[in-house]
Amino acid sequence: MKKMVILVVGATLLLGGCSGMSYTEQRVLSGTAIGAGSGTLIGLAAGGPLVGAAVGAGTGALGGVLYDQYQKSRGNP
């Protein structure tokens, strides 16, 4: 129960902290977080979770930037 409360409070603070960010910052941060999480899982399976997280975070950040540029080229904020 205690872990669940900590998880909910942490998620609330994390999501609330993104409210003042620009769309670009939100997209890059989201890409980085998703990439780091995915990279960690793949790294666990391959035996190097820290390397997987680092590579995933970098790839996710790049993906966030590219997605932001795509959205801006379509006229979205």
PDB file of N, CA and C in Angstrom:
ATOM      1  N   MET A   1       0.824  -1.197   0.000  1.00  0.00           N
ATOM      2  CA  MET A   1       0.000   0.000   0.000  1.00  0.00           C
ATOM      3  C   MET A   1       0.868   1.261   0.000  1.00  0.00           C
ATOM      4  N   LYS A   2       1.918   1.217   0.803  1.00  0.00           N
ATOM      5  CA  LYS A   2       2.801   2.378   0.897  1.00  0.00           C
ATOM      6  C   LYS A   2       3.476   2.667  -0.439  1.00  0.00           C
ATOM      7  N   LYS A   3       3.891   1.621  -1.155  1.00  0.00           N
ATOM      8  CA  LYS A   3       4.521   1.810  -2.460  1.00  0.00           C
ATOM      9  C   LYS A   3       3.551   2.420  -3.456  1.00  0.00           C
ATOM     10  N   MET A   4       2.282   2.026  -3.370  1.00  0.00           N
ATOM     11  CA  MET A   4       1.268   2.557  -4.290  1.00  0.00           C
ATOM     12  C   MET A   4       1.049   4.048  -4.045  1.00  0.00           C
ATOM     13  N   VAL A   5       1.014   4.457  -2.796  1.00  0.00           N
ATOM     14  CA  VAL A   5       0.835   5.876  -2.474  1.00  0.00           C
ATOM     15  C   VAL A   5       2.025   6.684  -2.995  1.00  0.00           C
ATOM     16  N   ILE A   6       3.222   6.163  -2.788  1.00  0.00           N
ATOM     17  CA  ILE A   6       4.419   6.851  -3.267  1.00  0.00           C
ATOM     18  C   ILE A   6       4.388   6.963  -4.791  1.00  0.00           C
ATOM     19  N   LEU A   7       3.981   5.898  -5.460  1.00  0.00           N
ATOM     20  CA  LEU A   7       3.897   5.912  -6.923  1.00  0.00           C
ATOM     21  C   LEU A   7       2.881   6.941  -7.415  1.00  0.00           C
ATOM     22  N   VAL A   8       1.726   6.998  -6.795  1.00  0.00           N
ATOM     23  CA  VAL A   8       0.684   7.947  -7.213  1.00  0.00           C
ATOM     24  C   VAL A   8       1.126   9.385  -6.960  1.00  0.00           C
ATOM     25  N   VAL A   9       1.711   9.643  -5.803  1.00  0.00           N
ATOM     26  CA  VAL A   9       2.178  10.998  -5.496  1.00  0.00           C
ATOM     27  C   VAL A   9       3.300  11.400  -6.455  1.00  0.00           C
ATOM     28  N   GLY A  10       4.227  10.480  -6.723  1.00  0.00           N
ATOM     29  CA  GLY A  10       5.310  10.772  -7.655  1.00  0.00           C
ATOM     30  C   GLY A  10       4.804  11.057  -9.055  1.00  0.00           C
ATOM     31  N   ALA A  11       3.850  10.271  -9.523  1.00  0.00           N
ATOM     32  CA  ALA A  11       3.291  10.489 -10.859  1.00  0.00           C
ATOM     33  C   ALA A  11       2.556  11.824 -10.931  1.00  0.00           C
ATOM     34  N   THR A  12       1.845  12.168  -9.879  1.00  0.00           N
ATOM     35  CA  THR A  12       1.125  13.445  -9.845  1.00  0.00           C
ATOM     36  C   THR A  12       2.100  14.615  -9.910  1.00  0.00           C
ATOM     37  N   LEU A  13       3.170  14.543  -9.139  1.00  0.00           N
ATOM     38  CA  LEU A  13       4.166  15.619  -9.167  1.00  0.00           C
ATOM     39  C   LEU A  13       4.859  15.705 -10.522  1.00  0.00           C
ATOM     40  N   LEU A  14       5.157  14.560 -11.099  1.00  0.00           N
ATOM     41  CA  LEU A  14       5.815  14.543 -12.407  1.00  0.00           C
ATOM     42  C   LEU A  14       4.924  15.162 -13.480  1.00  0.00           C
ATOM     43  N   LEU A  15       3.674  14.769 -13.509  1.00  0.00           N
ATOM     44  CA  LEU A  15       2.753  15.308 -14.514  1.00  0.00           C
ATOM     45  C   LEU A  15       2.442  16.770 -14.269  1.00  0.00           C
ATOM     46  N   GLY A  16       2.332  17.167 -13.019  1.00  0.00           N
ATOM     47  CA  GLY A  16       2.072  18.572 -12.692  1.00  0.00           C
ATOM     48  C   GLY A  16       3.247  19.460 -13.041  1.00  0.00           C
ATOM     49  N   GLY A  17       4.448  18.916 -12.983  1.00  0.00           N
ATOM     50  CA  GLY A  17       5.648  19.682 -13.302  1.00  0.00           C
ATOM     51  C   GLY A  17       5.776  19.994 -14.779  1.00  0.00           C
ATOM     52  N   CYS A  18       5.046  19.305 -15.609  1.00  0.00           N
ATOM     53  CA  CYS A  18       5.122  19.505 -17.060  1.00  0.00           C
ATOM     54  C   CYS A  18       4.175  20.588 -17.552  1.00  0.00           C
ATOM     55  N   SER A  19       3.346  21.137 -16.671  1.00  0.00           N
ATOM     56  CA  SER A  19       2.309  22.064 -17.119  1.00  0.00           C
ATOM     57  C   SER A  19       2.877  23.378 -17.656  1.00  0.00           C
ATOM     58  N   GLY A  20       4.032  23.813 -17.202  1.00  0.00           N
ATOM     59  CA  GLY A  20       4.599  25.075 -17.659  1.00  0.00           C
ATOM     60  C   GLY A  20       5.578  24.923 -18.809  1.00  0.00           C
ATOM     61  N   MET A  21       5.698  23.723 -19.347  1.00  0.00           N
ATOM     62  CA  MET A  21       6.663  23.472 -20.418  1.00  0.00           C
ATOM     63  C   MET A  21       6.052  23.774 -21.781  1.00  0.00           C
ATOM     64  N   SER A  22       6.924  24.092 -22.731  1.00  0.00           N
ATOM     65  CA  SER A  22       6.457  24.277 -24.101  1.00  0.00           C
ATOM     66  C   SER A  22       6.159  22.907 -24.703  1.00  0.00           C
ATOM     67  N   TYR A  23       5.511  22.901 -25.856  1.00  0.00           N
ATOM     68  CA  TYR A  23       5.211  21.632 -26.523  1.00  0.00           C
ATOM     69  C   TYR A  23       6.498  20.888 -26.877  1.00  0.00           C
ATOM     70  N   THR A  24       7.498  21.628 -27.301  1.00  0.00           N
ATOM     71  CA  THR A  24       8.778  20.996 -27.648  1.00  0.00           C
ATOM     72  C   THR A  24       9.379  20.317 -26.426  1.00  0.00           C
ATOM     73  N   GLU A  25       9.418  21.019 -25.309  1.00  0.00           N
ATOM     74  CA  GLU A  25       9.979  20.450 -24.088  1.00  0.00           C
ATOM     75  C   GLU A  25       9.190  19.224 -23.630  1.00  0.00           C
ATOM     76  N   GLN A  26       7.873  19.282 -23.720  1.00  0.00           N
ATOM     77  CA  GLN A  26       7.050  18.138 -23.330  1.00  0.00           C
ATOM     78  C   GLN A  26       7.324  16.933 -24.217  1.00  0.00           C
ATOM     79  N   ARG A  27       7.446  17.158 -25.507  1.00  0.00           N
ATOM     80  CA  ARG A  27       7.671  16.045 -26.437  1.00  0.00           C
ATOM     81  C   ARG A  27       9.045  15.419 -26.244  1.00  0.00           C
ATOM     82  N   VAL A  28      10.055  16.244 -26.026  1.00  0.00           N
ATOM     83  CA  VAL A  28      11.400  15.714 -25.811  1.00  0.00           C
ATOM     84  C   VAL A  28      11.462  14.958 -24.485  1.00  0.00           C
ATOM     85  N   LEU A  29      10.864  15.505 -23.435  1.00  0.00           N
ATOM     86  CA  LEU A  29      10.862  14.835 -22.135  1.00  0.00           C
ATOM     87  C   LEU A  29      10.104  13.515 -22.198  1.00  0.00           C
ATOM     88  N   SER A  30       8.971  13.508 -22.872  1.00  0.00           N
ATOM     89  CA  SER A  30       8.204  12.267 -23.016  1.00  0.00           C
ATOM     90  C   SER A  30       9.005  11.226 -23.783  1.00  0.00           C
ATOM     91  N   GLY A  31       9.620  11.623 -24.868  1.00  0.00           N
ATOM     92  CA  GLY A  31      10.438  10.697 -25.644  1.00  0.00           C
ATOM     93  C   GLY A  31      11.594  10.149 -24.840  1.00  0.00           C
ATOM     94  N   THR A  32      12.225  11.016 -24.054  1.00  0.00           N
ATOM     95  CA  THR A  32      13.346  10.582 -23.228  1.00  0.00           C
ATOM     96  C   THR A  32      12.895   9.571 -22.177  1.00  0.00           C
ATOM     97  N   ALA A  33      11.780   9.851 -21.510  1.00  0.00           N
ATOM     98  CA  ALA A  33      11.278   8.944 -20.471  1.00  0.00           C
ATOM     99  C   ALA A  33      10.862   7.594 -21.052  1.00  0.00           C
ATOM    100  N   ILE A  34      10.157   7.627 -22.162  1.00  0.00           N
ATOM    101  CA  ILE A  34       9.726   6.376 -22.794  1.00  0.00           C
ATOM    102  C   ILE A  34      10.943   5.589 -23.283  1.00  0.00           C
ATOM    103  N   GLY A  35      11.900   6.269 -23.879  1.00  0.00           N
ATOM    104  CA  GLY A  35      13.106   5.617 -24.367  1.00  0.00           C
ATOM    105  C   GLY A  35      13.936   5.019 -23.236  1.00  0.00           C
ATOM    106  N   ALA A  36      14.070   5.752 -22.136  1.00  0.00           N
ATOM    107  CA  ALA A  36      14.841   5.240 -21.002  1.00  0.00           C
ATOM    108  C   ALA A  36      14.174   4.016 -20.389  1.00  0.00           C
ATOM    109  N   GLY A  37      12.858   4.068 -20.258  1.00  0.00           N
ATOM    110  CA  GLY A  37      12.136   2.916 -19.717  1.00  0.00           C
ATOM    111  C   GLY A  37      12.253   1.697 -20.612  1.00  0.00           C
ATOM    112  N   SER A  38      12.066   1.899 -21.887  1.00  0.00           N
ATOM    113  CA  SER A  38      12.179   0.787 -22.843  1.00  0.00           C
ATOM    114  C   SER A  38      13.606   0.258 -22.896  1.00  0.00           C
ATOM    115  N   GLY A  39      14.570   1.161 -22.902  1.00  0.00           N
ATOM    116  CA  GLY A  39      15.972   0.756 -22.939  1.00  0.00           C
ATOM    117  C   GLY A  39      16.377  -0.028 -21.698  1.00  0.00           C
ATOM    118  N   THR A  40      15.828   0.346 -20.556  1.00  0.00           N
ATOM    119  CA  THR A  40      16.113  -0.388 -19.325  1.00  0.00           C
ATOM    120  C   THR A  40      15.584  -1.807 -19.409  1.00  0.00           C
ATOM    121  N   LEU A  41      14.363  -1.956 -19.905  1.00  0.00           N
ATOM    122  CA  LEU A  41      13.782  -3.293 -20.029  1.00  0.00           C
ATOM    123  C   LEU A  41      14.573  -4.159 -21.008  1.00  0.00           C
ATOM    124  N   ILE A  42      14.949  -3.576 -22.123  1.00  0.00           N
ATOM    125  CA  ILE A  42      15.753  -4.328 -23.093  1.00  0.00           C
ATOM    126  C   ILE A  42      17.133  -4.630 -22.506  1.00  0.00           C
ATOM    127  N   GLY A  43      17.694  -3.663 -21.796  1.00  0.00           N
ATOM    128  CA  GLY A  43      18.993  -3.866 -21.165  1.00  0.00           C
ATOM    129  C   GLY A  43      18.969  -4.941 -20.094  1.00  0.00           C
ATOM    130  N   LEU A  44      17.861  -5.041 -19.362  1.00  0.00           N
ATOM    131  CA  LEU A  44      17.732  -6.109 -18.370  1.00  0.00           C
ATOM    132  C   LEU A  44      17.787  -7.471 -19.036  1.00  0.00           C
ATOM    133  N   ALA A  45      17.127  -7.591 -20.163  1.00  0.00           N
ATOM    134  CA  ALA A  45      17.117  -8.865 -20.881  1.00  0.00           C
ATOM    135  C   ALA A  45      18.493  -9.172 -21.468  1.00  0.00           C
ATOM    136  N   ALA A  46      19.231  -8.135 -21.844  1.00  0.00           N
ATOM    137  CA  ALA A  46      20.533  -8.338 -22.476  1.00  0.00           C
ATOM    138  C   ALA A  46      21.684  -8.325 -21.478  1.00  0.00           C
ATOM    139  N   GLY A  47      21.412  -7.942 -20.230  1.00  0.00           N
ATOM    140  CA  GLY A  47      22.452  -7.959 -19.208  1.00  0.00           C
ATOM    141  C   GLY A  47      23.098  -6.625 -18.910  1.00  0.00           C
ATOM    142  N   GLY A  48      22.615  -5.524 -19.486  1.00  0.00           N
ATOM    143  CA  GLY A  48      23.201  -4.206 -19.233  1.00  0.00           C
ATOM    144  C   GLY A  48      22.126  -3.142 -19.108  1.00  0.00           C
ATOM    145  N   PRO A  49      21.377  -3.105 -17.986  1.00  0.00           N
ATOM    146  CA  PRO A  49      20.263  -2.161 -17.889  1.00  0.00           C
ATOM    147  C   PRO A  49      20.667  -0.689 -17.920  1.00  0.00           C
ATOM    148  N   LEU A  50      21.830  -0.346 -17.373  1.00  0.00           N
ATOM    149  CA  LEU A  50      22.240   1.062 -17.378  1.00  0.00           C
ATOM    150  C   LEU A  50      22.608   1.539 -18.776  1.00  0.00           C
ATOM    151  N   VAL A  51      23.281   0.693 -19.509  1.00  0.00           N
ATOM    152  CA  VAL A  51      23.622   1.043 -20.896  1.00  0.00           C
ATOM    153  C   VAL A  51      22.340   1.134 -21.719  1.00  0.00           C
ATOM    154  N   GLY A  52      21.422   0.201 -21.503  1.00  0.00           N
ATOM    155  CA  GLY A  52      20.151   0.235 -22.218  1.00  0.00           C
ATOM    156  C   GLY A  52      19.365   1.494 -21.922  1.00  0.00           C
ATOM    157  N   ALA A  53      19.370   1.915 -20.652  1.00  0.00           N
ATOM    158  CA  ALA A  53      18.658   3.141 -20.280  1.00  0.00           C
ATOM    159  C   ALA A  53      19.284   4.363 -20.932  1.00  0.00           C
ATOM    160  N   ALA A  54      20.605   4.413 -20.954  1.00  0.00           N
ATOM    161  CA  ALA A  54      21.286   5.565 -21.557  1.00  0.00           C
ATOM    162  C   ALA A  54      21.039   5.640 -23.057  1.00  0.00           C
ATOM    163  N   VAL A  55      21.167   4.510 -23.722  1.00  0.00           N
ATOM    164  CA  VAL A  55      20.937   4.489 -25.173  1.00  0.00           C
ATOM    165  C   VAL A  55      19.471   4.791 -25.474  1.00  0.00           C
ATOM    166  N   GLY A  56      18.569   4.210 -24.690  1.00  0.00           N
ATOM    167  CA  GLY A  56      17.141   4.454 -24.890  1.00  0.00           C
ATOM    168  C   GLY A  56      16.760   5.904 -24.651  1.00  0.00           C
ATOM    169  N   ALA A  57      17.350   6.521 -23.629  1.00  0.00           N
ATOM    170  CA  ALA A  57      17.054   7.929 -23.347  1.00  0.00           C
ATOM    171  C   ALA A  57      17.513   8.829 -24.488  1.00  0.00           C
ATOM    172  N   GLY A  58      18.703   8.571 -24.995  1.00  0.00           N
ATOM    173  CA  GLY A  58      19.202   9.370 -26.121  1.00  0.00           C
ATOM    174  C   GLY A  58      18.356   9.197 -27.365  1.00  0.00           C
ATOM    175  N   THR A  59      18.001   7.960 -27.641  1.00  0.00           N
ATOM    176  CA  THR A  59      17.161   7.679 -28.807  1.00  0.00           C
ATOM    177  C   THR A  59      15.781   8.295 -28.641  1.00  0.00           C
ATOM    178  N   GLY A  60      15.237   8.195 -27.436  1.00  0.00           N
ATOM    179  CA  GLY A  60      13.921   8.776 -27.176  1.00  0.00           C
ATOM    180  C   GLY A  60      13.914  10.294 -27.290  1.00  0.00           C
ATOM    181  N   ALA A  61      14.977  10.934 -26.811  1.00  0.00           N
ATOM    182  CA  ALA A  61      15.077  12.390 -26.929  1.00  0.00           C
ATOM    183  C   ALA A  61      15.136  12.803 -28.394  1.00  0.00           C
ATOM    184  N   LEU A  62      15.921  12.088 -29.181  1.00  0.00           N
ATOM    185  CA  LEU A  62      15.993  12.370 -30.610  1.00  0.00           C
ATOM    186  C   LEU A  62      14.630  12.160 -31.268  1.00  0.00           C
ATOM    187  N   GLY A  63      13.953  11.095 -30.884  1.00  0.00           N
ATOM    188  CA  GLY A  63      12.614  10.843 -31.412  1.00  0.00           C
ATOM    189  C   GLY A  63      11.640  11.946 -31.038  1.00  0.00           C
ATOM    190  N   GLY A  64      11.757  12.471 -29.813  1.00  0.00           N
ATOM    191  CA  GLY A  64      10.900  13.571 -29.384  1.00  0.00           C
ATOM    192  C   GLY A  64      11.131  14.834 -30.189  1.00  0.00           C
ATOM    193  N   VAL A  65      12.390  15.120 -30.485  1.00  0.00           N
ATOM    194  CA  VAL A  65      12.728  16.296 -31.302  1.00  0.00           C
ATOM    195  C   VAL A  65      12.178  16.135 -32.715  1.00  0.00           C
ATOM    196  N   LEU A  66      12.389  14.954 -33.297  1.00  0.00           N
ATOM    197  CA  LEU A  66      11.891  14.708 -34.652  1.00  0.00           C
ATOM    198  C   LEU A  66      10.372  14.781 -34.718  1.00  0.00           C
ATOM    199  N   TYR A  67       9.698  14.235 -33.720  1.00  0.00           N
ATOM    200  CA  TYR A  67       8.233  14.293 -33.685  1.00  0.00           C
ATOM    201  C   TYR A  67       7.760  15.735 -33.534  1.00  0.00           C
ATOM    202  N   ASP A  68       8.458  16.511 -32.731  1.00  0.00           N
ATOM    203  CA  ASP A  68       8.095  17.917 -32.562  1.00  0.00           C
ATOM    204  C   ASP A  68       8.236  18.669 -33.880  1.00  0.00           C
ATOM    205  N   GLN A  69       9.321  18.433 -34.599  1.00  0.00           N
ATOM    206  CA  GLN A  69       9.519  19.092 -35.893  1.00  0.00           C
ATOM    207  C   GLN A  69       8.439  18.676 -36.894  1.00  0.00           C
ATOM    208  N   TYR A  70       8.052  17.416 -36.848  1.00  0.00           N
ATOM    209  CA  TYR A  70       6.985  16.929 -37.719  1.00  0.00           C
ATOM    210  C   TYR A  70       5.672  17.637 -37.405  1.00  0.00           C
ATOM    211  N   GLN A  71       5.340  17.744 -36.129  1.00  0.00           N
ATOM    212  CA  GLN A  71       4.094  18.398 -35.735  1.00  0.00           C
ATOM    213  C   GLN A  71       4.103  19.878 -36.143  1.00  0.00           C
ATOM    214  N   LYS A  72       5.232  20.528 -35.977  1.00  0.00           N
ATOM    215  CA  LYS A  72       5.330  21.944 -36.358  1.00  0.00           C
ATOM    216  C   LYS A  72       5.210  22.117 -37.872  1.00  0.00           C
ATOM    217  N   SER A  73       5.724  21.158 -38.647  1.00  0.00           N
ATOM    218  CA  SER A  73       5.621  21.261 -40.102  1.00  0.00           C
ATOM    219  C   SER A  73       4.175  21.085 -40.564  1.00  0.00           C
ATOM    220  N   ARG A  74       3.363  20.437 -39.756  1.00  0.00           N
ATOM    221  CA  ARG A  74       1.947  20.255 -40.078  1.00  0.00           C
ATOM    222  C   ARG A  74       1.101  21.406 -39.570  1.00  0.00           C
ATOM    223  N   GLY A  75       1.717  22.390 -38.906  1.00  0.00           N
ATOM    224  CA  GLY A  75       0.992  23.549 -38.417  1.00  0.00           C
ATOM    225  C   GLY A  75       0.456  23.404 -37.006  1.00  0.00           C
ATOM    226  N   ASN A  76       0.812  22.329 -36.330  1.00  0.00           N
ATOM    227  CA  ASN A  76       0.384  22.137 -34.943  1.00  0.00           C
ATOM    228  C   ASN A  76       1.374  22.828 -34.015  1.00  0.00           C
ATOM    229  N   PRO A  77       0.911  23.243 -32.841  1.00  0.00           N
ATOM    230  CA  PRO A  77       1.823  23.941 -31.915  1.00  0.00           C
ATOM    231  C   PRO A  77       2.934  23.052 -31.379  1.00  0.00           C
TER     232      PRO A  77
END
